[in-house]
C-alpha cells in the first residue's frame, strides 16, 4: 500500500468513528437504544497495535446489544425486558423488533410506540384496559383475569438484525425464537447503553488518529515535491 493510501485509510476510519460516536450521543436519551461501535474501536487501533493493515481497512460497524440500565418511571405502560429478548411491534410495512418499551395506550386500547408501531401479543395486536397489570412473564391481567401475553422473542445471532431506526430492527434473514424465561418489569424502562464519557474519549482518540493521517499525507506531499524538484534539476 502506498503512503497516500495509508493516510486516506486512516482519515476515512477516523471520519467513520466520529460519525458513530455522534450518532450514539444523539440517541443516548432514546430508551432501549443500542450503541453502534466500530470493530476498529473495539480492537483499539492505537499506534503499535499488533493488527495488520488489512484488518484495519476491513474495520466495520456493529451494534452493541448489551443491556442498558433500567429506570423506574411509574408509567404503567412502560415495559423493560430483563435479560435478552425483543418486543415485537407491527406496522403496515411488516413486523419489527425493539428493546424500547416506552408504550402508550391509544384510543382503541392498543399499546403503541411513539411512532405508532403496535405491540404484539402471542396472538396479535395487544389490547389492554386502562388499569391492566403486566406480570414478569408477560401475562396481561385485566380485572385480575389473564387476557393476553406480551410476546418476547430472541435471536441466536442478534447481529443479523438490520437497523431500520435508532431503536427498531428488522430481521429479513434471521429466525426468531421465543425467548427463554423472559422477564418483564412494568413501570420501568431500559435506558440507552451509551456512555457519554466513553464516546468523548473515543472522539478524542479518533482526532489524534486523524492528525497522524494528516501528518502522513503532508509527509507524502513534501517527499513528492522534493522528488519533482530534484528531477527537474537533472
Protein backbone atom coordinates (compact mmCIF):
# COMPACT_ATOMS: atom_id res chain seq x y z
CA UNK A 1 0.00 0.00 0.00
CA UNK A 2 1.31 3.44 -0.93
CA UNK A 3 1.83 6.07 1.74
CA UNK A 4 -1.04 8.22 0.48
CA UNK A 5 -3.37 5.18 0.62
CA UNK A 6 -2.42 4.60 4.25
CA UNK A 7 -3.17 8.22 5.09
CA UNK A 8 -6.51 8.08 3.25
CA UNK A 9 -7.44 4.89 5.09
CA UNK A 10 -6.65 6.41 8.49
CA UNK A 11 -8.66 9.55 7.72
CA UNK A 12 -11.59 7.51 6.38
CA UNK A 13 -11.75 5.35 9.50
CA UNK A 14 -11.43 8.43 11.71
CA UNK A 15 -14.37 10.12 9.99
CA UNK A 16 -16.46 6.97 10.32
CA UNK A 17 -15.69 6.58 14.03
CA UNK A 18 -16.60 10.23 14.72
CA UNK A 19 -19.89 9.69 12.88
CA UNK A 20 -20.62 6.62 15.03
CA UNK A 21 -19.91 8.50 18.28
CA UNK A 22 -22.05 11.42 17.12
CA UNK A 23 -24.92 9.01 16.37
CA UNK A 24 -24.60 7.41 19.80
CA UNK A 25 -24.56 10.76 21.59
CA UNK A 26 -27.58 11.96 19.61
CA UNK A 27 -29.59 8.89 20.69
CA UNK A 28 -28.41 8.42 24.26
CA UNK A 29 -31.80 9.57 25.62
CA UNK A 30 -33.76 7.09 23.46
CA UNK A 31 -34.95 4.18 25.66
CA UNK A 32 -33.61 0.84 24.50
CA UNK A 33 -31.16 2.38 22.03
CA UNK A 34 -28.15 0.16 21.37
CA UNK A 35 -24.79 1.78 20.81
CA UNK A 36 -23.16 1.45 17.42
CA UNK A 37 -19.48 0.63 17.52
CA UNK A 38 -16.68 0.03 15.05
CA UNK A 39 -14.55 -3.07 15.13
CA UNK A 40 -11.60 -0.71 14.78
CA UNK A 41 -12.58 0.98 18.02
CA UNK A 42 -13.13 -2.30 19.82
CA UNK A 43 -9.76 -3.59 18.66
CA UNK A 44 -8.08 -0.38 19.86
CA UNK A 45 -6.31 0.62 16.70
CA UNK A 46 -3.70 2.66 18.51
CA UNK A 47 -0.14 3.18 17.39
CA UNK A 48 1.84 -0.01 17.79
CA UNK A 49 -1.21 -2.29 17.96
CA UNK A 50 -0.41 -5.71 16.53
CA UNK A 51 -3.10 -5.58 13.84
CA UNK A 52 -2.49 -5.95 10.13
CA UNK A 53 -3.18 -3.11 7.73
CA UNK A 54 -5.75 -5.35 6.00
CA UNK A 55 -7.65 -5.80 9.25
CA UNK A 56 -7.70 -2.05 9.78
CA UNK A 57 -9.07 -1.47 6.29
CA UNK A 58 -11.84 -4.01 6.90
CA UNK A 59 -13.00 -2.35 10.13
CA UNK A 60 -16.80 -2.29 10.16
CA UNK A 61 -19.67 -1.26 12.38
CA UNK A 62 -21.70 -3.47 14.67
CA UNK A 63 -24.45 -2.99 17.25
CA UNK A 64 -23.70 -3.47 20.93
CA UNK A 65 -26.74 -5.32 22.30
CA UNK A 66 -25.54 -5.18 25.91
CA UNK A 67 -28.44 -4.18 28.20
CA UNK A 68 -28.76 -0.62 29.40
CA UNK A 69 -29.60 0.45 32.91
CA UNK A 70 -33.25 0.18 33.95
CA UNK A 71 -35.12 3.17 35.33
CA UNK A 72 -38.35 3.24 37.33
CA UNK A 73 -40.80 5.58 35.58
CA UNK A 74 -44.06 4.71 37.34
CA UNK A 75 -45.84 4.74 33.96
CA UNK A 76 -47.90 1.51 33.82
CA UNK A 77 -47.41 1.24 30.07
CA UNK A 78 -43.62 1.46 30.23
CA UNK A 79 -42.08 -2.01 30.00
CA UNK A 80 -38.50 -3.19 30.42
CA UNK A 81 -37.04 -6.54 29.42
CA UNK A 82 -34.58 -8.01 31.88
CA UNK A 83 -32.11 -10.20 30.05
CA UNK A 84 -32.13 -10.96 26.33
CA UNK A 85 -35.08 -10.62 24.00
CA UNK A 86 -37.07 -8.10 21.98
CA UNK A 87 -40.59 -6.77 21.87
CA UNK A 88 -42.39 -7.45 18.60
CA UNK A 89 -44.03 -4.40 17.06
CA UNK A 90 -46.05 -4.13 13.87
CA UNK A 91 -46.75 -1.52 11.22
CA UNK A 92 -48.47 -1.78 7.82
CA UNK A 93 -44.98 -2.39 6.40
CA UNK A 94 -44.37 -5.51 8.46
CA UNK A 95 -43.04 -6.81 11.75
CA UNK A 96 -40.14 -5.29 13.65
CA UNK A 97 -38.25 -5.71 16.91
CA UNK A 98 -37.25 -3.29 19.64
CA UNK A 99 -35.94 -3.01 23.20
CA UNK A 100 -37.66 0.34 23.61
CA UNK A 101 -40.56 -0.38 25.96
CA UNK A 102 -41.92 3.17 26.07
CA UNK A 103 -45.53 2.48 25.05
CA UNK A 104 -48.77 4.40 25.30
CA UNK A 105 -52.37 3.23 25.13
CA UNK A 106 -54.26 4.56 22.10
CA UNK A 107 -57.98 5.18 21.83
CA UNK A 108 -58.67 1.56 20.89
CA UNK A 109 -56.68 0.15 23.80
CA UNK A 110 -53.64 -0.85 21.74
CA UNK A 111 -50.18 -0.36 23.22
CA UNK A 112 -48.17 1.57 20.63
CA UNK A 113 -44.72 3.10 20.35
CA UNK A 114 -44.08 6.82 19.92
CA UNK A 115 -44.17 6.27 16.13
CA UNK A 116 -47.38 4.24 16.21
CA UNK A 117 -45.99 0.70 15.97
CA UNK A 118 -48.36 -1.78 17.62
CA UNK A 119 -47.02 -4.02 20.39
CA UNK A 120 -47.71 -7.69 19.68
CA UNK A 121 -49.09 -10.36 21.99
CA UNK A 122 -48.81 -14.09 21.39
CA UNK A 123 -51.98 -13.86 19.27
CA UNK A 124 -51.73 -10.46 17.55
CA UNK A 125 -52.06 -6.77 18.39
CA UNK A 126 -52.07 -6.31 22.16
CA UNK A 127 -55.18 -4.62 23.56
CA UNK A 128 -55.22 -3.71 27.26
CA UNK A 129 -57.54 -1.99 29.69
CA UNK A 130 -56.62 1.29 31.30
CA UNK A 131 -55.77 -0.49 34.58
CA UNK A 132 -54.10 -3.55 33.10
CA UNK A 133 -51.35 -5.27 35.04
CA UNK A 134 -48.47 -7.00 33.28
CA UNK A 135 -46.68 -9.79 35.10
CA UNK A 136 -42.99 -10.61 34.82
CA UNK A 137 -43.67 -13.43 32.34
CA UNK A 138 -45.61 -11.05 30.09
CA UNK A 139 -49.07 -12.18 31.14
CA UNK A 140 -51.57 -9.31 30.90
CA UNK A 141 -54.24 -9.17 33.60
CA UNK A 142 -57.48 -7.23 33.18
CA UNK A 143 -59.57 -7.06 36.36
CA UNK A 144 -57.36 -9.82 37.71
CA UNK A 145 -58.03 -12.17 34.78
CA UNK A 146 -55.38 -13.16 32.21
CA UNK A 147 -56.37 -11.81 28.80
CA UNK A 148 -53.13 -11.89 26.77
CA UNK A 149 -49.37 -12.25 26.97
CA UNK A 150 -46.71 -9.89 25.65
CA UNK A 151 -44.70 -11.75 23.03
CA UNK A 152 -40.93 -11.63 23.63
CA UNK A 153 -38.60 -13.23 21.08
CA UNK A 154 -34.87 -13.63 20.76
CA UNK A 155 -32.33 -14.35 18.04
CA UNK A 156 -29.39 -16.73 18.03
CA UNK A 157 -27.34 -14.03 16.31
CA UNK A 158 -28.64 -10.50 17.04
CA UNK A 159 -26.01 -9.10 14.66
CA UNK A 160 -28.12 -10.49 11.82
CA UNK A 161 -30.76 -7.87 12.62
CA UNK A 162 -30.90 -4.81 10.40
CA UNK A 163 -31.34 -1.36 11.91
CA UNK A 164 -34.35 0.50 10.48
CA UNK A 165 -34.28 3.30 13.04
CA UNK A 166 -32.47 4.29 16.22
CA UNK A 167 -34.30 1.67 18.30
CA UNK A 168 -36.10 -0.57 15.78
CA UNK A 169 -34.77 -3.58 13.88
CA UNK A 170 -35.89 -5.81 11.04
CA UNK A 171 -34.98 -9.47 10.66
CA UNK A 172 -35.34 -10.32 6.96
CA UNK A 173 -32.86 -13.19 7.08
CA UNK A 174 -32.95 -14.09 10.76
CA UNK A 175 -35.15 -16.60 12.53
CA UNK A 176 -36.71 -15.55 15.79
CA UNK A 177 -37.43 -17.89 18.64
CA UNK A 178 -39.45 -17.49 21.80
CA UNK A 179 -37.22 -16.01 24.48
CA UNK A 180 -36.34 -18.42 27.25
CA UNK A 181 -37.85 -17.30 30.56
CA UNK A 182 -38.44 -13.66 29.55
CA UNK A 183 -38.64 -11.21 32.44
CA UNK A 184 -40.68 -8.02 32.03
CA UNK A 185 -40.96 -5.19 34.53
CA UNK A 186 -43.99 -2.90 34.32
CA UNK A 187 -43.43 0.78 35.06
CA UNK A 188 -39.76 0.65 34.09
CA UNK A 189 -37.66 1.49 31.03
CA UNK A 190 -34.31 0.31 29.75
CA UNK A 191 -32.06 3.28 29.07
CA UNK A 192 -29.68 3.50 26.12
CA UNK A 193 -26.43 1.63 26.69
CA UNK A 194 -24.39 4.69 25.71
CA UNK A 195 -21.73 6.27 27.91
CA UNK A 196 -21.16 9.94 27.11
CA UNK A 197 -17.71 9.75 28.72
CA UNK A 198 -16.70 6.75 26.61
CA UNK A 199 -17.90 8.43 23.43
CA UNK A 200 -15.94 11.61 24.20
CA UNK A 201 -12.80 9.55 24.86
CA UNK A 202 -13.37 7.77 21.55
CA UNK A 203 -13.74 11.08 19.72
CA UNK A 204 -10.52 12.45 21.24
CA UNK A 205 -8.61 9.28 20.33
CA UNK A 206 -10.05 9.41 16.80
CA UNK A 207 -8.99 13.04 16.38
CA UNK A 208 -5.44 12.09 17.35
CA UNK A 209 -5.58 9.28 14.78
CA UNK A 210 -6.80 11.74 12.14
CA UNK A 211 -3.93 14.07 12.97
CA UNK A 212 -1.46 11.24 12.34
CA UNK A 213 -3.14 10.60 8.99
CA UNK A 214 -2.79 14.26 8.09
CA UNK A 215 0.91 14.19 9.03
CA UNK A 216 1.45 11.16 6.81
CA UNK A 217 -0.29 12.92 3.92
CA UNK A 218 1.78 16.05 4.48
CA UNK A 219 4.98 13.98 4.57
CA UNK A 220 3.97 12.36 1.28
CA UNK A 221 3.34 15.77 -0.29
CA UNK A 222 6.72 17.01 0.91
CA UNK A 223 8.51 13.94 -0.50
CA UNK A 224 6.75 14.30 -3.85
CA UNK A 225 7.62 18.00 -4.01
CA UNK A 226 11.29 17.25 -3.29
CA UNK A 227 11.31 14.47 -5.88
CA UNK A 228 9.83 16.74 -8.53
CA UNK A 229 12.33 19.49 -7.70
CA UNK A 230 15.26 17.05 -7.82
CA UNK A 231 14.23 15.50 -11.14
CA UNK A 232 13.64 18.98 -12.57
CA UNK A 233 17.25 19.91 -11.86
CA UNK A 234 18.68 16.87 -13.67
